[in-house]
Amino acid sequence: MLPFTYVSSPGRVLFGSGRTRELAAELERLGCRRAFVVCTPDQEELALRVAAECGARAVFAEATMHTPVAVTQAALSELQAAKCDSLVAIGGGSTIGLSKALALRTDLPQVAVPTTYAGSEMTPILGETSDGRKTTLRSYKVLPEVAIYDVDLTLSLPPGLSAVSGVNAIAHAVEALYAPDTSPIISLMAEEGIAALGRALPRILTAPSEVAAREAAQYGAWLSGVCLGSVAMGLHHKICHVLGGTFDLRHAETHAVMLPHVVAYNSVAAPAAMARVANALKRTDAASGLFALNRALANPLSLAELGMPREGIAQAVEQVMKDQYSNPRPLEAAALQSMLARAWSGEAPRGE
């Protein structure tokens, strides 16, 4: 066994049906009485109900994909005007991203109530977009103090959105398996997270109201989120941030399309990690297994479907190559160009 270092991220997790009812008590435990609730426009009704139950001071329902700085500034103005003392995020990655951006600027405590499988609530990572460019930082100032996983809030998540959000979560666990700072503990969490999501997501498509399947998906997403927040991510997350920030592509869908292709790119350089991915999915090959999972879930298979122009491939490669960072296989412009071309057209992944 190689030497390793493991650091557990601080945070309190409440998991189970109906746990959102404990939000007021959690805010009180944090010494807070004037919460600022954030959500996306389509979650406003839920956010208003939860805000009334916990006595929140204000609701901001304009959280946006990729956390634009302009939206954060608008929310910050309302938060300060309402003299709020805490943040409550109800929703997926866009909402939790906005809450984190506000926490970075105010150092207010956060309670995250995730309704998708994005996993952002378990990480000290914040990605923000300004002038068409997405930047990422790590700081424990943005890590929520409390995460409440209430399966009841996921039952209405459309099956299609559940599918892409779940594969987005799988991506966190996959990259954790070959991270340079991984550990046996993280590897166990990653493999278990992939397995739980791999079992749950197909079932959610056929039985979206089945609580057991939804709980398994939340459990897998939580484990994968811990992985994301505990170790360095590699090429997959870097390239998805470039694609999302540059071409305004939908976050979870971009992760779903790219994951099999990046796994194929890294497969020769990280055989042990790929064996664990394949084992978790009960497949013989990690890349083809992930591609088959996307097919079974009716997820998008191509970047073209998401609205990326073909001429953007070269631009994306140029941006990815600007900064070298940890990845099992060195970044090679020609190979990345070929990989993105296959992902753009929806071809099956292929290592080279």
Protein backbone atom coordinates (compact mmCIF):
# COMPACT_ATOMS: atom_id res chain seq x y z
CA MET A 1 0.00 0.00 0.00
CA LEU A 2 1.32 3.44 -0.92
CA PRO A 3 1.61 6.09 1.80
CA PHE A 4 -1.41 8.39 1.94
CA THR A 5 -2.89 11.34 3.80
CA TYR A 6 -6.60 11.54 4.57
CA VAL A 7 -8.32 14.67 5.85
CA SER A 8 -12.02 14.54 6.69
CA SER A 9 -13.88 17.68 5.63
CA PRO A 10 -15.83 19.33 8.47
CA GLY A 11 -19.59 19.27 8.15
CA ARG A 12 -22.79 17.79 9.55
CA VAL A 13 -25.01 15.50 7.44
CA LEU A 14 -28.67 14.71 8.05
CA PHE A 15 -29.93 11.88 5.82
CA GLY A 16 -33.48 10.56 5.58
CA SER A 17 -37.08 11.18 4.65
CA GLY A 18 -38.57 14.35 6.11
CA ARG A 19 -35.30 15.71 7.51
CA THR A 20 -35.98 19.16 5.98
CA ARG A 21 -38.37 19.69 8.88
CA GLU A 22 -35.26 19.95 11.07
CA LEU A 23 -33.91 22.97 9.17
CA ALA A 24 -35.10 25.50 11.76
CA ALA A 25 -33.43 23.51 14.54
CA GLU A 26 -30.19 23.33 12.56
CA LEU A 27 -30.18 27.09 12.02
CA GLU A 28 -30.80 27.60 15.72
CA ARG A 29 -27.93 25.24 16.53
CA LEU A 30 -25.74 27.51 14.39
CA GLY A 31 -27.00 30.54 16.32
CA CYS A 32 -28.84 31.95 13.29
CA ARG A 33 -32.32 33.48 13.05
CA ARG A 34 -32.42 35.48 9.80
CA ALA A 35 -31.73 33.08 6.94
CA PHE A 36 -31.33 34.10 3.31
CA VAL A 37 -32.75 31.31 1.11
CA VAL A 38 -31.47 30.87 -2.45
CA CYS A 39 -32.89 28.76 -5.28
CA THR A 40 -33.45 28.70 -9.02
CA PRO A 41 -36.70 30.10 -10.47
CA ASP A 42 -38.24 26.63 -10.85
CA GLN A 43 -37.64 25.85 -7.16
CA GLU A 44 -39.16 29.08 -5.86
CA GLU A 45 -42.40 27.50 -4.61
CA LEU A 46 -40.49 24.90 -2.58
CA ALA A 47 -38.07 27.54 -1.29
CA LEU A 48 -40.90 29.84 -0.16
CA ARG A 49 -42.54 26.97 1.72
CA VAL A 50 -39.31 25.96 3.44
CA ALA A 51 -38.50 29.61 4.17
CA ALA A 52 -41.86 30.03 5.92
CA GLU A 53 -41.29 26.87 7.97
CA CYS A 54 -37.87 27.98 9.21
CA GLY A 55 -38.66 31.69 9.62
CA ALA A 56 -36.24 32.86 6.92
CA ARG A 57 -35.85 36.59 6.33
CA ALA A 58 -35.67 36.61 2.48
CA VAL A 59 -35.74 34.39 -0.64
CA PHE A 60 -33.62 34.96 -3.76
CA ALA A 61 -34.88 32.82 -6.66
CA GLU A 62 -32.44 33.71 -9.43
CA ALA A 63 -29.60 31.21 -9.02
CA THR A 64 -28.10 30.49 -12.45
CA MET A 65 -25.97 27.80 -14.06
CA HIS A 66 -22.18 28.28 -13.78
CA THR A 67 -22.58 30.88 -10.97
CA PRO A 68 -22.24 34.15 -12.90
CA VAL A 69 -20.59 36.85 -10.79
CA ALA A 70 -23.27 39.37 -11.83
CA VAL A 71 -26.00 37.20 -10.27
CA THR A 72 -23.93 36.79 -7.11
CA GLN A 73 -23.59 40.57 -6.80
CA ALA A 74 -27.35 41.02 -7.15
CA ALA A 75 -27.99 38.39 -4.47
CA LEU A 76 -25.37 39.95 -2.20
CA SER A 77 -27.13 43.31 -2.37
CA GLU A 78 -30.44 41.75 -1.31
CA LEU A 79 -28.77 39.70 1.44
CA GLN A 80 -27.13 42.79 2.91
CA ALA A 81 -30.31 44.85 2.65
CA ALA A 82 -32.24 42.16 4.56
CA LYS A 83 -29.47 41.91 7.20
CA CYS A 84 -29.45 38.12 7.05
CA ASP A 85 -27.16 36.05 9.24
CA SER A 86 -27.10 32.70 7.38
CA LEU A 87 -27.58 31.04 4.01
CA VAL A 88 -29.91 28.22 3.01
CA ALA A 89 -29.51 26.67 -0.45
CA ILE A 90 -32.40 24.58 -1.78
CA GLY A 91 -31.71 22.96 -5.13
CA GLY A 92 -28.87 21.59 -7.23
CA GLY A 93 -25.39 22.68 -8.19
CA SER A 94 -26.42 26.11 -9.50
CA THR A 95 -28.14 27.01 -6.24
CA ILE A 96 -25.44 25.63 -3.98
CA GLY A 97 -22.85 27.41 -6.13
CA LEU A 98 -24.57 30.74 -5.51
CA SER A 99 -24.75 30.06 -1.77
CA LYS A 100 -21.03 29.27 -1.75
CA ALA A 101 -20.22 32.45 -3.69
CA LEU A 102 -22.15 34.44 -1.08
CA ALA A 103 -20.41 32.60 1.76
CA LEU A 104 -17.03 33.44 0.23
CA ARG A 105 -17.91 37.14 0.31
CA THR A 106 -19.66 37.21 3.71
CA ASP A 107 -18.34 34.19 5.67
CA LEU A 108 -21.94 33.40 6.70
CA PRO A 109 -22.79 29.81 7.73
CA GLN A 110 -24.64 27.69 5.19
CA VAL A 111 -27.20 24.90 5.27
CA ALA A 112 -27.48 23.07 1.94
CA VAL A 113 -30.61 21.12 1.03
CA PRO A 114 -29.72 19.37 -2.25
CA THR A 115 -32.54 18.27 -4.57
CA THR A 116 -30.28 16.80 -7.28
CA TYR A 117 -27.23 14.53 -7.25
CA ALA A 118 -24.61 17.21 -8.04
CA GLY A 119 -22.64 16.71 -4.80
CA SER A 120 -21.50 20.33 -4.52
CA GLU A 121 -22.79 20.51 -0.93
CA MET A 122 -19.94 18.27 0.23
CA THR A 123 -17.07 20.23 -1.30
CA PRO A 124 -14.97 23.31 -0.49
CA ILE A 125 -14.94 24.06 -4.24
CA LEU A 126 -16.52 27.03 -6.00
CA GLY A 127 -16.65 27.63 -9.75
CA GLU A 128 -17.65 31.12 -10.92
CA THR A 129 -18.13 32.56 -14.41
CA SER A 130 -17.30 36.04 -15.60
CA ASP A 131 -16.84 37.31 -19.18
CA GLY A 132 -17.30 33.81 -20.60
CA ARG A 133 -14.54 32.27 -18.47
CA LYS A 134 -15.04 29.87 -15.58
CA THR A 135 -12.56 29.86 -12.70
CA THR A 136 -12.39 27.50 -9.75
CA LEU A 137 -11.14 27.92 -6.20
CA ARG A 138 -10.91 25.80 -3.05
CA SER A 139 -11.63 27.33 0.34
CA TYR A 140 -13.24 25.99 3.49
CA LYS A 141 -15.08 29.33 3.66
CA VAL A 142 -17.43 27.96 0.99
CA LEU A 143 -18.05 24.51 2.51
CA PRO A 144 -21.59 24.28 3.95
CA GLU A 145 -21.75 23.65 7.67
CA VAL A 146 -24.79 21.37 7.28
CA ALA A 147 -26.17 19.25 4.43
CA ILE A 148 -29.71 17.87 4.67
CA TYR A 149 -30.48 14.94 2.36
CA ASP A 150 -34.26 14.59 2.31
CA VAL A 151 -35.32 11.97 -0.23
CA ASP A 152 -38.82 13.46 -0.33
CA LEU A 153 -37.46 16.51 -2.16
CA THR A 154 -36.00 14.35 -4.95
CA LEU A 155 -39.17 12.41 -5.81
CA SER A 156 -40.32 15.14 -8.20
CA LEU A 157 -36.92 15.43 -9.92
CA PRO A 158 -37.69 14.44 -13.54
CA PRO A 159 -36.19 11.06 -14.49
CA GLY A 160 -34.15 12.61 -17.32
CA LEU A 161 -32.62 15.22 -15.06
CA SER A 162 -32.01 12.54 -12.42
CA ALA A 163 -30.09 10.52 -15.00
CA VAL A 164 -27.69 13.25 -16.10
CA SER A 165 -27.27 14.53 -12.54
CA GLY A 166 -26.44 11.01 -11.39
CA VAL A 167 -23.78 10.49 -14.06
CA ASN A 168 -22.34 13.88 -13.10
CA ALA A 169 -21.98 12.46 -9.58
CA ILE A 170 -20.34 9.29 -10.91
CA ALA A 171 -17.73 11.52 -12.57
CA HIS A 172 -16.63 12.81 -9.16
CA ALA A 173 -16.05 9.28 -7.91
CA VAL A 174 -14.28 8.13 -11.09
CA GLU A 175 -11.72 10.92 -10.95
CA ALA A 176 -11.18 10.36 -7.23
CA LEU A 177 -10.00 6.82 -7.97
CA TYR A 178 -7.00 8.05 -9.97
CA ALA A 179 -6.32 11.31 -8.11
CA PRO A 180 -2.71 11.73 -6.95
CA ASP A 181 -3.88 12.38 -3.39
CA THR A 182 -6.43 9.58 -3.18
CA SER A 183 -6.45 7.12 -0.29
CA PRO A 184 -7.94 3.69 0.51
CA ILE A 185 -10.82 5.44 2.28
CA ILE A 186 -11.66 7.65 -0.69
CA SER A 187 -11.34 4.69 -3.06
CA LEU A 188 -13.87 2.73 -1.00
CA MET A 189 -16.28 5.66 -1.04
CA ALA A 190 -15.79 6.15 -4.77
CA GLU A 191 -16.42 2.55 -5.75
CA GLU A 192 -19.44 2.33 -3.46
CA GLY A 193 -20.81 5.62 -4.82
CA ILE A 194 -20.48 4.47 -8.45
CA ALA A 195 -22.12 1.14 -7.63
CA ALA A 196 -25.05 2.75 -5.79
CA LEU A 197 -25.71 5.21 -8.61
CA GLY A 198 -25.23 2.57 -11.28
CA ARG A 199 -27.96 0.47 -9.64
CA ALA A 200 -30.31 3.32 -8.81
CA LEU A 201 -30.41 5.45 -11.97
CA PRO A 202 -31.91 2.86 -14.37
CA ARG A 203 -34.53 2.04 -11.74
CA ILE A 204 -35.45 5.73 -11.36
CA LEU A 205 -36.22 5.86 -15.10
CA THR A 206 -38.78 3.07 -14.78
CA ALA A 207 -40.06 3.84 -11.26
CA PRO A 208 -39.34 7.52 -10.52
CA SER A 209 -41.41 7.52 -7.31
CA GLU A 210 -39.67 4.51 -5.76
CA VAL A 211 -38.18 5.77 -2.51
CA ALA A 212 -35.55 3.01 -2.27
CA ALA A 213 -34.08 3.91 -5.67
CA ARG A 214 -34.09 7.61 -4.85
CA GLU A 215 -32.40 6.97 -1.50
CA ALA A 216 -29.72 4.84 -3.17
CA ALA A 217 -29.05 7.62 -5.68
CA GLN A 218 -28.80 10.22 -2.90
CA TYR A 219 -26.48 7.95 -0.96
CA GLY A 220 -24.26 7.47 -4.01
CA ALA A 221 -24.28 11.19 -4.73
CA TRP A 222 -23.28 11.97 -1.14
CA LEU A 223 -20.33 9.57 -1.28
CA SER A 224 -19.28 10.94 -4.67
CA GLY A 225 -19.54 14.49 -3.35
CA VAL A 226 -17.25 13.62 -0.46
CA CYS A 227 -14.77 12.26 -3.02
CA LEU A 228 -14.99 15.46 -5.07
CA GLY A 229 -14.29 17.59 -2.03
CA SER A 230 -11.46 15.45 -0.66
CA VAL A 231 -9.02 15.02 -3.56
CA ALA A 232 -7.83 16.80 -6.68
CA MET A 233 -9.87 16.31 -9.84
CA GLY A 234 -8.24 15.71 -13.23
CA LEU A 235 -8.90 16.16 -16.94
CA HIS A 236 -12.60 15.40 -16.85
CA HIS A 237 -13.54 18.23 -14.50
CA LYS A 238 -11.13 20.64 -16.15
CA ILE A 239 -12.48 20.03 -19.62
CA CYS A 240 -16.11 20.22 -18.47
CA HIS A 241 -15.44 23.58 -16.80
CA VAL A 242 -13.87 24.86 -20.02
CA LEU A 243 -16.77 23.63 -22.15
CA GLY A 244 -19.43 24.91 -19.78
CA GLY A 245 -17.88 28.30 -19.20
CA THR A 246 -16.91 28.94 -22.83
CA PHE A 247 -20.01 27.65 -24.64
CA ASP A 248 -22.61 27.94 -21.84
CA LEU A 249 -23.36 24.21 -22.02
CA ARG A 250 -25.60 22.61 -19.43
CA HIS A 251 -23.44 21.40 -16.56
CA ALA A 252 -24.67 17.87 -15.79
CA GLU A 253 -25.25 16.99 -19.44
CA THR A 254 -21.71 18.05 -20.32
CA HIS A 255 -20.31 15.80 -17.59
CA ALA A 256 -22.44 12.89 -18.81
CA VAL A 257 -21.28 13.25 -22.43
CA MET A 258 -17.60 13.67 -21.59
CA LEU A 259 -17.10 11.06 -18.87
CA PRO A 260 -16.78 7.91 -21.05
CA HIS A 261 -14.39 9.72 -23.39
CA VAL A 262 -12.08 11.00 -20.65
CA VAL A 263 -12.09 7.56 -19.03
CA ALA A 264 -11.02 6.06 -22.37
CA TYR A 265 -8.27 8.70 -22.66
CA ASN A 266 -6.93 7.85 -19.18
CA SER A 267 -7.55 4.09 -19.26
CA VAL A 268 -4.02 2.93 -20.12
CA ALA A 269 -2.46 5.24 -17.52
CA ALA A 270 -4.77 4.23 -14.65
CA PRO A 271 -5.64 0.53 -15.06
CA ALA A 272 -6.33 -0.16 -11.37
CA ALA A 273 -8.79 2.73 -11.13
CA MET A 274 -10.52 1.65 -14.33
CA ALA A 275 -10.87 -1.90 -13.03
CA ARG A 276 -12.67 -0.55 -9.95
CA VAL A 277 -15.01 1.54 -12.12
CA ALA A 278 -15.82 -1.48 -14.29
CA ASN A 279 -16.36 -3.64 -11.20
CA ALA A 280 -18.74 -1.08 -9.67
CA LEU A 281 -20.76 -0.96 -12.89
CA LYS A 282 -20.61 -4.76 -13.32
CA ARG A 283 -19.02 -4.28 -16.74
CA THR A 284 -15.82 -5.57 -18.31
CA ASP A 285 -14.58 -2.13 -19.42
CA ALA A 286 -14.99 1.22 -17.68
CA ALA A 287 -15.31 3.52 -20.71
CA SER A 288 -17.70 1.34 -22.69
CA GLY A 289 -19.64 0.61 -19.50
CA LEU A 290 -20.17 4.32 -18.86
CA PHE A 291 -21.15 4.89 -22.50
CA ALA A 292 -23.64 2.03 -22.25
CA LEU A 293 -25.04 3.50 -19.04
CA ASN A 294 -25.60 6.82 -20.81
CA ARG A 295 -27.41 4.99 -23.62
CA ALA A 296 -29.57 3.05 -21.16
CA LEU A 297 -30.49 6.29 -19.37
CA ALA A 298 -31.24 8.12 -22.65
CA ASN A 299 -28.67 10.75 -21.70
CA PRO A 300 -27.22 13.03 -24.40
CA LEU A 301 -24.31 11.34 -26.15
CA SER A 302 -22.83 14.27 -28.04
CA LEU A 303 -21.66 17.81 -27.39
CA ALA A 304 -23.43 18.81 -30.59
CA GLU A 305 -26.75 17.96 -28.91
CA LEU A 306 -25.88 20.41 -26.15
CA GLY A 307 -25.27 23.25 -28.60
CA MET A 308 -21.48 23.29 -28.86
CA PRO A 309 -20.25 24.43 -32.30
CA ARG A 310 -17.85 22.05 -34.04
CA GLU A 311 -15.38 24.89 -34.57
CA GLY A 312 -15.21 25.24 -30.78
CA ILE A 313 -13.18 22.01 -30.45
CA ALA A 314 -9.86 23.69 -31.23
CA GLN A 315 -10.68 26.58 -28.88
CA ALA A 316 -11.45 24.15 -26.05
CA VAL A 317 -8.22 22.21 -26.60
CA GLU A 318 -6.24 25.45 -26.52
CA GLN A 319 -7.78 26.45 -23.19
CA VAL A 320 -7.28 23.02 -21.63
CA MET A 321 -3.62 22.95 -22.69
CA LYS A 322 -2.87 26.34 -21.12
CA ASP A 323 -2.57 24.96 -17.59
CA GLN A 324 -0.94 21.62 -16.84
CA TYR A 325 -2.37 19.90 -13.79
CA SER A 326 -2.56 16.46 -12.28
CA ASN A 327 -3.93 13.75 -14.56
CA PRO A 328 -2.86 10.12 -14.97
CA ARG A 329 -2.00 10.68 -18.63
CA PRO A 330 -0.19 13.82 -19.78
CA LEU A 331 -2.27 16.25 -21.80
CA GLU A 332 -1.60 15.78 -25.51
CA ALA A 333 -3.21 18.31 -27.85
CA ALA A 334 -3.69 15.95 -30.80
CA ALA A 335 -5.24 13.22 -28.65
CA LEU A 336 -7.51 15.74 -26.91
CA GLN A 337 -8.60 17.06 -30.31
CA SER A 338 -9.55 13.53 -31.40
CA MET A 339 -11.30 12.82 -28.11
CA LEU A 340 -13.38 16.00 -28.30
CA ALA A 341 -14.24 15.33 -31.94
CA ARG A 342 -15.67 11.93 -30.95
CA ALA A 343 -17.55 13.47 -28.03
CA TRP A 344 -18.89 16.22 -30.28
CA SER A 345 -20.33 13.74 -32.77
CA GLY A 346 -21.49 11.15 -30.21
CA GLU A 347 -19.16 8.33 -31.30
CA ALA A 348 -18.26 5.55 -28.88
CA PRO A 349 -15.23 6.33 -26.69
CA ARG A 350 -11.85 5.05 -27.81
CA GLY A 351 -8.45 5.15 -26.16
CA GLU A 352 -5.45 6.11 -28.26
